[in-house]
């Protein structure tokens, strides 16, 4: 089984990445100098904290094992280790992408494929 990490991305930004052939990051990633990811146990809190109520989002699953030494796990909120990619994300490392709709409670509804 692959070691999977997740990125929440606006649909329009992901469409641009697909045209380009790689994902350079959202504005927060570009400002911080790395692409922020979450593990399966972190991604729901990431969505609630940073994307609450936002529509037109995708959840992108990435094979972390294929990212090499540019992927680092670094301390972040609450002392948790978060995956940070210090490179562009090449689309051949993407396992799947799914819509991330907002439920009636304002929280995102995650796909069943979330492992």
PDB file of N, CA and C in Angstrom:
ATOM      1  N   UNK A   1       0.841  -1.192   0.000  1.00  0.00           N
ATOM      2  CA  UNK A   1       0.000   0.000   0.000  1.00  0.00           C
ATOM      3  C   UNK A   1       0.883   1.251   0.000  1.00  0.00           C
ATOM      4  N   UNK A   2       0.447   2.220  -0.771  1.00  0.00           N
ATOM      5  CA  UNK A   2       1.188   3.475  -0.861  1.00  0.00           C
ATOM      6  C   UNK A   2       1.009   4.300   0.400  1.00  0.00           C
ATOM      7  N   UNK A   3       1.992   5.070   0.696  1.00  0.00           N
ATOM      8  CA  UNK A   3       1.923   6.068   1.760  1.00  0.00           C
ATOM      9  C   UNK A   3       1.277   7.291   1.119  1.00  0.00           C
ATOM     10  N   UNK A   4       0.051   7.613   1.514  1.00  0.00           N
ATOM     11  CA  UNK A   4      -0.731   8.645   0.844  1.00  0.00           C
ATOM     12  C   UNK A   4      -0.791   9.906   1.704  1.00  0.00           C
ATOM     13  N   UNK A   5      -0.595  11.056   1.046  1.00  0.00           N
ATOM     14  CA  UNK A   5      -0.804  12.359   1.676  1.00  0.00           C
ATOM     15  C   UNK A   5      -1.806  13.121   0.823  1.00  0.00           C
ATOM     16  N   UNK A   6      -2.367  14.194   1.390  1.00  0.00           N
ATOM     17  CA  UNK A   6      -3.484  14.880   0.741  1.00  0.00           C
ATOM     18  C   UNK A   6      -3.255  16.373   0.643  1.00  0.00           C
ATOM     19  N   UNK A   7      -3.789  16.939  -0.439  1.00  0.00           N
ATOM     20  CA  UNK A   7      -3.744  18.377  -0.677  1.00  0.00           C
ATOM     21  C   UNK A   7      -5.152  18.837  -1.034  1.00  0.00           C
ATOM     22  N   UNK A   8      -5.612  19.883  -0.371  1.00  0.00           N
ATOM     23  CA  UNK A   8      -6.886  20.506  -0.705  1.00  0.00           C
ATOM     24  C   UNK A   8      -6.579  21.672  -1.636  1.00  0.00           C
ATOM     25  N   UNK A   9      -7.209  21.658  -2.815  1.00  0.00           N
ATOM     26  CA  UNK A   9      -6.864  22.618  -3.865  1.00  0.00           C
ATOM     27  C   UNK A   9      -8.138  23.183  -4.505  1.00  0.00           C
ATOM     28  N   UNK A  10      -8.207  24.482  -4.715  1.00  0.00           N
ATOM     29  CA  UNK A  10      -9.316  25.033  -5.495  1.00  0.00           C
ATOM     30  C   UNK A  10      -9.330  24.417  -6.905  1.00  0.00           C
ATOM     31  N   UNK A  11     -10.521  24.107  -7.399  1.00  0.00           N
ATOM     32  CA  UNK A  11     -10.637  23.451  -8.706  1.00  0.00           C
ATOM     33  C   UNK A  11      -9.936  24.228  -9.809  1.00  0.00           C
ATOM     34  N   UNK A  12     -10.082  25.543  -9.835  1.00  0.00           N
ATOM     35  CA  UNK A  12      -9.480  26.364 -10.896  1.00  0.00           C
ATOM     36  C   UNK A  12      -7.956  26.291 -10.853  1.00  0.00           C
ATOM     37  N   UNK A  13      -7.399  26.282  -9.652  1.00  0.00           N
ATOM     38  CA  UNK A  13      -5.941  26.192  -9.503  1.00  0.00           C
ATOM     39  C   UNK A  13      -5.440  24.830  -9.978  1.00  0.00           C
ATOM     40  N   UNK A  14      -6.211  23.773  -9.679  1.00  0.00           N
ATOM     41  CA  UNK A  14      -5.819  22.429 -10.119  1.00  0.00           C
ATOM     42  C   UNK A  14      -5.917  22.310 -11.637  1.00  0.00           C
ATOM     43  N   UNK A  15      -6.917  22.939 -12.236  1.00  0.00           N
ATOM     44  CA  UNK A  15      -7.049  22.914 -13.697  1.00  0.00           C
ATOM     45  C   UNK A  15      -5.818  23.558 -14.341  1.00  0.00           C
ATOM     46  N   UNK A  16      -5.322  24.630 -13.741  1.00  0.00           N
ATOM     47  CA  UNK A  16      -4.095  25.272 -14.242  1.00  0.00           C
ATOM     48  C   UNK A  16      -2.906  24.340 -14.112  1.00  0.00           C
ATOM     49  N   UNK A  17      -2.839  23.615 -12.996  1.00  0.00           N
ATOM     50  CA  UNK A  17      -1.740  22.660 -12.790  1.00  0.00           C
ATOM     51  C   UNK A  17      -1.784  21.556 -13.835  1.00  0.00           C
ATOM     52  N   UNK A  18      -2.978  21.094 -14.154  1.00  0.00           N
ATOM     53  CA  UNK A  18      -3.108  20.045 -15.169  1.00  0.00           C
ATOM     54  C   UNK A  18      -2.636  20.544 -16.528  1.00  0.00           C
ATOM     55  N   UNK A  19      -2.909  21.795 -16.850  1.00  0.00           N
ATOM     56  CA  UNK A  19      -2.440  22.378 -18.117  1.00  0.00           C
ATOM     57  C   UNK A  19      -0.910  22.494 -18.123  1.00  0.00           C
ATOM     58  N   UNK A  20      -0.369  22.882 -16.966  1.00  0.00           N
ATOM     59  CA  UNK A  20       1.076  23.082 -16.826  1.00  0.00           C
ATOM     60  C   UNK A  20       1.834  21.759 -16.726  1.00  0.00           C
ATOM     61  N   UNK A  21       1.161  20.722 -16.202  1.00  0.00           N
ATOM     62  CA  UNK A  21       1.809  19.428 -16.020  1.00  0.00           C
ATOM     63  C   UNK A  21       2.422  19.258 -14.643  1.00  0.00           C
ATOM     64  N   UNK A  22       2.231  20.261 -13.791  1.00  0.00           N
ATOM     65  CA  UNK A  22       2.742  20.176 -12.418  1.00  0.00           C
ATOM     66  C   UNK A  22       2.015  21.219 -11.570  1.00  0.00           C
ATOM     67  N   UNK A  23       2.030  21.002 -10.257  1.00  0.00           N
ATOM     68  CA  UNK A  23       1.392  21.923  -9.329  1.00  0.00           C
ATOM     69  C   UNK A  23       2.482  22.659  -8.578  1.00  0.00           C
ATOM     70  N   UNK A  24       2.480  23.983  -8.720  1.00  0.00           N
ATOM     71  CA  UNK A  24       3.503  24.805  -8.071  1.00  0.00           C
ATOM     72  C   UNK A  24       3.100  25.212  -6.656  1.00  0.00           C
ATOM     73  N   UNK A  25       1.806  25.109  -6.342  1.00  0.00           N
ATOM     74  CA  UNK A  25       1.328  25.462  -5.020  1.00  0.00           C
ATOM     75  C   UNK A  25       0.308  26.576  -5.053  1.00  0.00           C
ATOM     76  N   UNK A  26      -0.460  26.661  -3.973  1.00  0.00           N
ATOM     77  CA  UNK A  26      -1.395  27.759  -3.774  1.00  0.00           C
ATOM     78  C   UNK A  26      -0.613  28.955  -3.233  1.00  0.00           C
ATOM     79  N   UNK A  27      -1.279  30.089  -3.070  1.00  0.00           N
ATOM     80  CA  UNK A  27      -0.569  31.294  -2.628  1.00  0.00           C
ATOM     81  C   UNK A  27       0.127  31.090  -1.285  1.00  0.00           C
ATOM     82  N   UNK A  28      -0.503  30.368  -0.345  1.00  0.00           N
ATOM     83  CA  UNK A  28       0.135  30.124   0.951  1.00  0.00           C
ATOM     84  C   UNK A  28       1.393  29.258   0.786  1.00  0.00           C
ATOM     85  N   UNK A  29       1.352  28.307  -0.146  1.00  0.00           N
ATOM     86  CA  UNK A  29       2.519  27.461  -0.403  1.00  0.00           C
ATOM     87  C   UNK A  29       3.662  28.292  -0.983  1.00  0.00           C
ATOM     88  N   UNK A  30       3.321  29.127  -1.948  1.00  0.00           N
ATOM     89  CA  UNK A  30       4.346  29.957  -2.581  1.00  0.00           C
ATOM     90  C   UNK A  30       4.969  30.908  -1.561  1.00  0.00           C
ATOM     91  N   UNK A  31       4.155  31.451  -0.668  1.00  0.00           N
ATOM     92  CA  UNK A  31       4.661  32.362   0.366  1.00  0.00           C
ATOM     93  C   UNK A  31       5.563  31.639   1.355  1.00  0.00           C
ATOM     94  N   UNK A  32       5.220  30.397   1.692  1.00  0.00           N
ATOM     95  CA  UNK A  32       5.993  29.635   2.684  1.00  0.00           C
ATOM     96  C   UNK A  32       7.201  28.910   2.094  1.00  0.00           C
ATOM     97  N   UNK A  33       7.242  28.765   0.786  1.00  0.00           N
ATOM     98  CA  UNK A  33       8.391  28.116   0.145  1.00  0.00           C
ATOM     99  C   UNK A  33       8.287  26.601   0.065  1.00  0.00           C
ATOM    100  N   UNK A  34       7.114  26.062   0.327  1.00  0.00           N
ATOM    101  CA  UNK A  34       6.879  24.618   0.191  1.00  0.00           C
ATOM    102  C   UNK A  34       5.387  24.383   0.031  1.00  0.00           C
ATOM    103  N   UNK A  35       5.035  23.194  -0.487  1.00  0.00           N
ATOM    104  CA  UNK A  35       3.629  22.841  -0.653  1.00  0.00           C
ATOM    105  C   UNK A  35       3.170  22.114   0.606  1.00  0.00           C
ATOM    106  N   UNK A  36       2.124  22.638   1.216  1.00  0.00           N
ATOM    107  CA  UNK A  36       1.541  22.046   2.425  1.00  0.00           C
ATOM    108  C   UNK A  36       0.698  20.834   2.065  1.00  0.00           C
ATOM    109  N   UNK A  37       0.893  19.746   2.778  1.00  0.00           N
ATOM    110  CA  UNK A  37       0.058  18.556   2.654  1.00  0.00           C
ATOM    111  C   UNK A  37      -0.434  18.169   4.040  1.00  0.00           C
ATOM    112  N   UNK A  38      -1.364  17.226   4.067  1.00  0.00           N
ATOM    113  CA  UNK A  38      -1.860  16.654   5.323  1.00  0.00           C
ATOM    114  C   UNK A  38      -1.887  15.141   5.186  1.00  0.00           C
ATOM    115  N   UNK A  39      -1.742  14.468   6.309  1.00  0.00           N
ATOM    116  CA  UNK A  39      -1.947  13.021   6.332  1.00  0.00           C
ATOM    117  C   UNK A  39      -3.446  12.762   6.440  1.00  0.00           C
ATOM    118  N   UNK A  40      -3.839  11.506   6.329  1.00  0.00           N
ATOM    119  CA  UNK A  40      -5.258  11.144   6.436  1.00  0.00           C
ATOM    120  C   UNK A  40      -5.834  11.580   7.779  1.00  0.00           C
ATOM    121  N   UNK A  41      -5.050  11.483   8.829  1.00  0.00           N
ATOM    122  CA  UNK A  41      -5.551  11.850  10.153  1.00  0.00           C
ATOM    123  C   UNK A  41      -5.597  13.368  10.365  1.00  0.00           C
ATOM    124  N   UNK A  42      -4.955  14.132   9.497  1.00  0.00           N
ATOM    125  CA  UNK A  42      -4.883  15.584   9.647  1.00  0.00           C
ATOM    126  C   UNK A  42      -5.802  16.354   8.697  1.00  0.00           C
ATOM    127  N   UNK A  43      -6.209  15.733   7.599  1.00  0.00           N
ATOM    128  CA  UNK A  43      -6.828  16.486   6.507  1.00  0.00           C
ATOM    129  C   UNK A  43      -8.200  17.060   6.861  1.00  0.00           C
ATOM    130  N   UNK A  44      -8.959  16.393   7.693  1.00  0.00           N
ATOM    131  CA  UNK A  44     -10.264  16.942   8.067  1.00  0.00           C
ATOM    132  C   UNK A  44     -10.106  18.223   8.898  1.00  0.00           C
ATOM    133  N   UNK A  45      -9.153  18.217   9.811  1.00  0.00           N
ATOM    134  CA  UNK A  45      -8.905  19.424  10.600  1.00  0.00           C
ATOM    135  C   UNK A  45      -8.363  20.545   9.724  1.00  0.00           C
ATOM    136  N   UNK A  46      -7.514  20.202   8.768  1.00  0.00           N
ATOM    137  CA  UNK A  46      -6.999  21.200   7.830  1.00  0.00           C
ATOM    138  C   UNK A  46      -8.149  21.850   7.064  1.00  0.00           C
ATOM    139  N   UNK A  47      -9.084  21.034   6.599  1.00  0.00           N
ATOM    140  CA  UNK A  47     -10.238  21.561   5.859  1.00  0.00           C
ATOM    141  C   UNK A  47     -11.075  22.472   6.746  1.00  0.00           C
ATOM    142  N   UNK A  48     -11.340  22.037   7.970  1.00  0.00           N
ATOM    143  CA  UNK A  48     -12.170  22.824   8.890  1.00  0.00           C
ATOM    144  C   UNK A  48     -11.486  24.132   9.282  1.00  0.00           C
ATOM    145  N   UNK A  49     -10.186  24.087   9.459  1.00  0.00           N
ATOM    146  CA  UNK A  49      -9.441  25.252   9.937  1.00  0.00           C
ATOM    147  C   UNK A  49      -9.173  26.279   8.835  1.00  0.00           C
ATOM    148  N   UNK A  50      -8.835  25.789   7.643  1.00  0.00           N
ATOM    149  CA  UNK A  50      -8.367  26.702   6.590  1.00  0.00           C
ATOM    150  C   UNK A  50      -9.324  26.863   5.410  1.00  0.00           C
ATOM    151  N   UNK A  51     -10.312  25.973   5.285  1.00  0.00           N
ATOM    152  CA  UNK A  51     -11.181  25.999   4.104  1.00  0.00           C
ATOM    153  C   UNK A  51     -12.669  25.957   4.456  1.00  0.00           C
ATOM    154  N   UNK A  52     -13.022  26.197   5.693  1.00  0.00           N
ATOM    155  CA  UNK A  52     -14.420  26.071   6.133  1.00  0.00           C
ATOM    156  C   UNK A  52     -15.367  26.857   5.223  1.00  0.00           C
ATOM    157  N   UNK A  53     -16.380  26.143   4.738  1.00  0.00           N
ATOM    158  CA  UNK A  53     -17.407  26.760   3.909  1.00  0.00           C
ATOM    159  C   UNK A  53     -17.002  27.037   2.471  1.00  0.00           C
ATOM    160  N   UNK A  54     -15.731  26.801   2.125  1.00  0.00           N
ATOM    161  CA  UNK A  54     -15.250  27.077   0.767  1.00  0.00           C
ATOM    162  C   UNK A  54     -15.745  25.996  -0.181  1.00  0.00           C
ATOM    163  N   UNK A  55     -16.274  26.440  -1.310  1.00  0.00           N
ATOM    164  CA  UNK A  55     -16.742  25.504  -2.325  1.00  0.00           C
ATOM    165  C   UNK A  55     -15.721  25.413  -3.452  1.00  0.00           C
ATOM    166  N   UNK A  56     -16.023  24.571  -4.421  1.00  0.00           N
ATOM    167  CA  UNK A  56     -15.166  24.390  -5.605  1.00  0.00           C
ATOM    168  C   UNK A  56     -13.756  23.945  -5.229  1.00  0.00           C
ATOM    169  N   UNK A  57     -13.684  23.018  -4.275  1.00  0.00           N
ATOM    170  CA  UNK A  57     -12.399  22.461  -3.866  1.00  0.00           C
ATOM    171  C   UNK A  57     -12.278  21.010  -4.320  1.00  0.00           C
ATOM    172  N   UNK A  58     -11.044  20.583  -4.478  1.00  0.00           N
ATOM    173  CA  UNK A  58     -10.727  19.182  -4.749  1.00  0.00           C
ATOM    174  C   UNK A  58      -9.850  18.663  -3.631  1.00  0.00           C
ATOM    175  N   UNK A  59      -9.993  17.375  -3.363  1.00  0.00           N
ATOM    176  CA  UNK A  59      -9.057  16.669  -2.490  1.00  0.00           C
ATOM    177  C   UNK A  59      -8.177  15.828  -3.402  1.00  0.00           C
ATOM    178  N   UNK A  60      -6.883  16.056  -3.328  1.00  0.00           N
ATOM    179  CA  UNK A  60      -5.922  15.370  -4.190  1.00  0.00           C
ATOM    180  C   UNK A  60      -5.098  14.417  -3.332  1.00  0.00           C
ATOM    181  N   UNK A  61      -5.108  13.142  -3.717  1.00  0.00           N
ATOM    182  CA  UNK A  61      -4.335  12.110  -3.021  1.00  0.00           C
ATOM    183  C   UNK A  61      -3.029  11.892  -3.770  1.00  0.00           C
ATOM    184  N   UNK A  62      -1.923  11.905  -3.026  1.00  0.00           N
ATOM    185  CA  UNK A  62      -0.592  11.833  -3.629  1.00  0.00           C
ATOM    186  C   UNK A  62       0.190  10.671  -3.009  1.00  0.00           C
ATOM    187  N   UNK A  63       0.919   9.961  -3.859  1.00  0.00           N
ATOM    188  CA  UNK A  63       1.790   8.871  -3.403  1.00  0.00           C
ATOM    189  C   UNK A  63       3.065   9.491  -2.827  1.00  0.00           C
ATOM    190  N   UNK A  64       3.120   9.592  -1.514  1.00  0.00           N
ATOM    191  CA  UNK A  64       4.255  10.246  -0.852  1.00  0.00           C
ATOM    192  C   UNK A  64       5.572   9.525  -1.113  1.00  0.00           C
ATOM    193  N   UNK A  65       5.515   8.217  -1.319  1.00  0.00           N
ATOM    194  CA  UNK A  65       6.739   7.444  -1.544  1.00  0.00           C
ATOM    195  C   UNK A  65       7.450   7.856  -2.829  1.00  0.00           C
ATOM    196  N   UNK A  66       6.736   8.482  -3.746  1.00  0.00           N
ATOM    197  CA  UNK A  66       7.326   8.872  -5.025  1.00  0.00           C
ATOM    198  C   UNK A  66       7.892  10.295  -5.005  1.00  0.00           C
ATOM    199  N   UNK A  67       7.776  10.992  -3.874  1.00  0.00           N
ATOM    200  CA  UNK A  67       8.211  12.393  -3.816  1.00  0.00           C
ATOM    201  C   UNK A  67       9.673  12.558  -3.423  1.00  0.00           C
ATOM    202  N   UNK A  68      10.277  11.504  -2.911  1.00  0.00           N
ATOM    203  CA  UNK A  68      11.706  11.542  -2.621  1.00  0.00           C
ATOM    204  C   UNK A  68      12.087  12.433  -1.454  1.00  0.00           C
ATOM    205  N   UNK A  69      13.336  12.864  -1.474  1.00  0.00           N
ATOM    206  CA  UNK A  69      13.907  13.616  -0.360  1.00  0.00           C
ATOM    207  C   UNK A  69      13.367  15.040  -0.251  1.00  0.00           C
ATOM    208  N   UNK A  70      12.651  15.505  -1.262  1.00  0.00           N
ATOM    209  CA  UNK A  70      12.077  16.853  -1.215  1.00  0.00           C
ATOM    210  C   UNK A  70      10.873  16.921  -0.266  1.00  0.00           C
ATOM    211  N   UNK A  71      10.355  15.746   0.139  1.00  0.00           N
ATOM    212  CA  UNK A  71       9.240  15.698   1.089  1.00  0.00           C
ATOM    213  C   UNK A  71       9.804  15.586   2.494  1.00  0.00           C
ATOM    214  N   UNK A  72       9.422  16.540   3.330  1.00  0.00           N
ATOM    215  CA  UNK A  72       9.904  16.554   4.717  1.00  0.00           C
ATOM    216  C   UNK A  72       8.709  16.646   5.653  1.00  0.00           C
ATOM    217  N   UNK A  73       8.806  15.956   6.787  1.00  0.00           N
ATOM    218  CA  UNK A  73       7.776  16.042   7.822  1.00  0.00           C
ATOM    219  C   UNK A  73       8.283  17.000   8.887  1.00  0.00           C
ATOM    220  N   UNK A  74       7.540  18.094   9.075  1.00  0.00           N
ATOM    221  CA  UNK A  74       7.999  19.154   9.966  1.00  0.00           C
ATOM    222  C   UNK A  74       6.928  19.498  10.989  1.00  0.00           C
ATOM    223  N   UNK A  75       7.388  19.924  12.164  1.00  0.00           N
ATOM    224  CA  UNK A  75       6.474  20.294  13.239  1.00  0.00           C
ATOM    225  C   UNK A  75       5.587  21.452  12.830  1.00  0.00           C
ATOM    226  N   UNK A  76       4.323  21.327  13.169  1.00  0.00           N
ATOM    227  CA  UNK A  76       3.368  22.393  12.910  1.00  0.00           C
ATOM    228  C   UNK A  76       2.409  22.452  14.076  1.00  0.00           C
ATOM    229  N   UNK A  77       1.156  22.800  13.808  1.00  0.00           N
ATOM    230  CA  UNK A  77       0.186  23.002  14.885  1.00  0.00           C
ATOM    231  C   UNK A  77       0.128  21.839  15.858  1.00  0.00           C
ATOM    232  N   UNK A  78       0.106  22.159  17.121  1.00  0.00           N
ATOM    233  CA  UNK A  78      -0.037  21.148  18.154  1.00  0.00           C
ATOM    234  C   UNK A  78       1.114  20.160  18.232  1.00  0.00           C
ATOM    235  N   UNK A  79       2.253  20.509  17.653  1.00  0.00           N
ATOM    236  CA  UNK A  79       3.401  19.603  17.688  1.00  0.00           C
ATOM    237  C   UNK A  79       3.290  18.443  16.719  1.00  0.00           C
ATOM    238  N   UNK A  80       2.297  18.479  15.837  1.00  0.00           N
ATOM    239  CA  UNK A  80       2.097  17.421  14.856  1.00  0.00           C
ATOM    240  C   UNK A  80       3.091  17.580  13.707  1.00  0.00           C
ATOM    241  N   UNK A  81       3.505  16.464  13.124  1.00  0.00           N
ATOM    242  CA  UNK A  81       4.386  16.491  11.964  1.00  0.00           C
ATOM    243  C   UNK A  81       3.541  16.532  10.698  1.00  0.00           C
ATOM    244  N   UNK A  82       3.722  17.580   9.902  1.00  0.00           N
ATOM    245  CA  UNK A  82       2.991  17.726   8.651  1.00  0.00           C
ATOM    246  C   UNK A  82       3.929  17.536   7.473  1.00  0.00           C
ATOM    247  N   UNK A  83       3.447  16.907   6.379  1.00  0.00           N
ATOM    248  CA  UNK A  83       4.270  16.746   5.181  1.00  0.00           C
ATOM    249  C   UNK A  83       4.355  18.050   4.389  1.00  0.00           C
ATOM    250  N   UNK A  84       5.580  18.432   4.061  1.00  0.00           N
ATOM    251  CA  UNK A  84       5.852  19.641   3.274  1.00  0.00           C
ATOM    252  C   UNK A  84       6.733  19.239   2.095  1.00  0.00           C
ATOM    253  N   UNK A  85       6.329  19.645   0.908  1.00  0.00           N
ATOM    254  CA  UNK A  85       7.093  19.321  -0.299  1.00  0.00           C
ATOM    255  C   UNK A  85       7.853  20.555  -0.765  1.00  0.00           C
ATOM    256  N   UNK A  86       9.172  20.432  -0.790  1.00  0.00           N
ATOM    257  CA  UNK A  86      10.047  21.527  -1.222  1.00  0.00           C
ATOM    258  C   UNK A  86      10.401  21.371  -2.701  1.00  0.00           C
ATOM    259  N   UNK A  87       9.377  21.248  -3.520  1.00  0.00           N
ATOM    260  CA  UNK A  87       9.522  21.099  -4.967  1.00  0.00           C
ATOM    261  C   UNK A  87       8.133  21.238  -5.577  1.00  0.00           C
ATOM    262  N   UNK A  88       8.077  21.290  -6.883  1.00  0.00           N
ATOM    263  CA  UNK A  88       6.785  21.236  -7.565  1.00  0.00           C
ATOM    264  C   UNK A  88       6.234  19.822  -7.419  1.00  0.00           C
ATOM    265  N   UNK A  89       4.920  19.714  -7.437  1.00  0.00           N
ATOM    266  CA  UNK A  89       4.277  18.408  -7.410  1.00  0.00           C
ATOM    267  C   UNK A  89       4.061  17.957  -8.841  1.00  0.00           C
ATOM    268  N   UNK A  90       4.736  16.884  -9.229  1.00  0.00           N
ATOM    269  CA  UNK A  90       4.523  16.356 -10.573  1.00  0.00           C
ATOM    270  C   UNK A  90       3.247  15.518 -10.562  1.00  0.00           C
ATOM    271  N   UNK A  91       2.463  15.652 -11.608  1.00  0.00           N
ATOM    272  CA  UNK A  91       1.139  15.038 -11.629  1.00  0.00           C
ATOM    273  C   UNK A  91       1.189  13.513 -11.715  1.00  0.00           C
ATOM    274  N   UNK A  92       2.340  12.952 -12.078  1.00  0.00           N
ATOM    275  CA  UNK A  92       2.433  11.491 -12.119  1.00  0.00           C
ATOM    276  C   UNK A  92       2.463  10.867 -10.720  1.00  0.00           C
ATOM    277  N   UNK A  93       2.566  11.680  -9.694  1.00  0.00           N
ATOM    278  CA  UNK A  93       2.534  11.171  -8.322  1.00  0.00           C
ATOM    279  C   UNK A  93       1.117  11.186  -7.730  1.00  0.00           C
ATOM    280  N   UNK A  94       0.172  11.755  -8.479  1.00  0.00           N
ATOM    281  CA  UNK A  94      -1.216  11.851  -8.011  1.00  0.00           C
ATOM    282  C   UNK A  94      -1.918  10.514  -8.207  1.00  0.00           C
ATOM    283  N   UNK A  95      -2.542  10.027  -7.140  1.00  0.00           N
ATOM    284  CA  UNK A  95      -3.280   8.763  -7.185  1.00  0.00           C
ATOM    285  C   UNK A  95      -4.703   9.010  -7.653  1.00  0.00           C
ATOM    286  N   UNK A  96      -5.350  10.014  -7.093  1.00  0.00           N
ATOM    287  CA  UNK A  96      -6.698  10.409  -7.505  1.00  0.00           C
ATOM    288  C   UNK A  96      -6.982  11.824  -7.029  1.00  0.00           C
ATOM    289  N   UNK A  97      -8.065  12.374  -7.574  1.00  0.00           N
ATOM    290  CA  UNK A  97      -8.587  13.662  -7.132  1.00  0.00           C
ATOM    291  C   UNK A  97     -10.099  13.529  -7.095  1.00  0.00           C
ATOM    292  N   UNK A  98     -10.702  14.109  -6.069  1.00  0.00           N
ATOM    293  CA  UNK A  98     -12.153  14.014  -5.881  1.00  0.00           C
ATOM    294  C   UNK A  98     -12.693  15.376  -5.438  1.00  0.00           C
ATOM    295  N   UNK A  99     -13.932  15.676  -5.824  1.00  0.00           N
ATOM    296  CA  UNK A  99     -14.564  16.895  -5.320  1.00  0.00           C
ATOM    297  C   UNK A  99     -14.655  16.860  -3.797  1.00  0.00           C
ATOM    298  N   UNK A 100     -14.571  18.022  -3.192  1.00  0.00           N
ATOM    299  CA  UNK A 100     -14.676  18.154  -1.735  1.00  0.00           C
ATOM    300  C   UNK A 100     -15.833  19.119  -1.432  1.00  0.00           C
ATOM    301  N   UNK A 101     -17.069  18.601  -1.536  1.00  0.00           N
ATOM    302  CA  UNK A 101     -18.232  19.473  -1.336  1.00  0.00           C
ATOM    303  C   UNK A 101     -18.427  19.851   0.127  1.00  0.00           C
ATOM    304  N   UNK A 102     -19.186  20.899   0.320  1.00  0.00           N
ATOM    305  CA  UNK A 102     -19.524  21.361   1.659  1.00  0.00           C
ATOM    306  C   UNK A 102     -20.876  20.772   2.042  1.00  0.00           C
ATOM    307  N   UNK A 103     -20.945  20.191   3.232  1.00  0.00           N
ATOM    308  CA  UNK A 103     -22.193  19.635   3.730  1.00  0.00           C
ATOM    309  C   UNK A 103     -23.055  20.713   4.364  1.00  0.00           C
ATOM    310  N   UNK A 104     -24.281  20.346   4.767  1.00  0.00           N
ATOM    311  CA  UNK A 104     -25.204  21.311   5.363  1.00  0.00           C
ATOM    312  C   UNK A 104     -24.682  21.936   6.657  1.00  0.00           C
ATOM    313  N   UNK A 105     -23.734  21.264   7.313  1.00  0.00           N
ATOM    314  CA  UNK A 105     -23.171  21.788   8.561  1.00  0.00           C
ATOM    315  C   UNK A 105     -21.998  22.732   8.321  1.00  0.00           C
ATOM    316  N   UNK A 106     -21.678  22.987   7.033  1.00  0.00           N
ATOM    317  CA  UNK A 106     -20.570  23.877   6.703  1.00  0.00           C
ATOM    318  C   UNK A 106     -19.223  23.170   6.641  1.00  0.00           C
ATOM    319  N   UNK A 107     -19.192  21.887   7.015  1.00  0.00           N
ATOM    320  CA  UNK A 107     -17.957  21.104   6.948  1.00  0.00           C
ATOM    321  C   UNK A 107     -17.901  20.343   5.624  1.00  0.00           C
ATOM    322  N   UNK A 108     -16.706  20.027   5.190  1.00  0.00           N
ATOM    323  CA  UNK A 108     -16.544  19.315   3.925  1.00  0.00           C
ATOM    324  C   UNK A 108     -16.875  17.843   4.082  1.00  0.00           C
ATOM    325  N   UNK A 109     -17.415  17.302   2.993  1.00  0.00           N
ATOM    326  CA  UNK A 109     -17.780  15.888   2.936  1.00  0.00           C
ATOM    327  C   UNK A 109     -16.669  15.172   2.187  1.00  0.00           C
ATOM    328  N   UNK A 110     -15.954  14.295   2.909  1.00  0.00           N
ATOM    329  CA  UNK A 110     -14.790  13.628   2.330  1.00  0.00           C
ATOM    330  C   UNK A 110     -15.189  12.370   1.570  1.00  0.00           C
ATOM    331  N   UNK A 111     -14.448  12.055   0.505  1.00  0.00           N
ATOM    332  CA  UNK A 111     -14.774  10.860  -0.287  1.00  0.00           C
ATOM    333  C   UNK A 111     -14.451   9.581   0.476  1.00  0.00           C
ATOM    334  N   UNK A 112     -15.124   8.515   0.075  1.00  0.00           N
ATOM    335  CA  UNK A 112     -14.905   7.217   0.708  1.00  0.00           C
ATOM    336  C   UNK A 112     -13.492   6.705   0.501  1.00  0.00           C
ATOM    337  N   UNK A 113     -12.839   7.162  -0.571  1.00  0.00           N
ATOM    338  CA  UNK A 113     -11.479   6.696  -0.876  1.00  0.00           C
ATOM    339  C   UNK A 113     -10.430   7.180   0.110  1.00  0.00           C
ATOM    340  N   UNK A 114     -10.793   8.108   0.970  1.00  0.00           N
ATOM    341  CA  UNK A 114      -9.822   8.626   1.930  1.00  0.00           C
ATOM    342  C   UNK A 114      -9.336   7.477   2.802  1.00  0.00           C
ATOM    343  N   UNK A 115      -8.039   7.203   2.687  1.00  0.00           N
ATOM    344  CA  UNK A 115      -7.466   6.076   3.447  1.00  0.00           C
ATOM    345  C   UNK A 115      -6.544   6.591   4.520  1.00  0.00           C
TER     346      UNK A 115
END
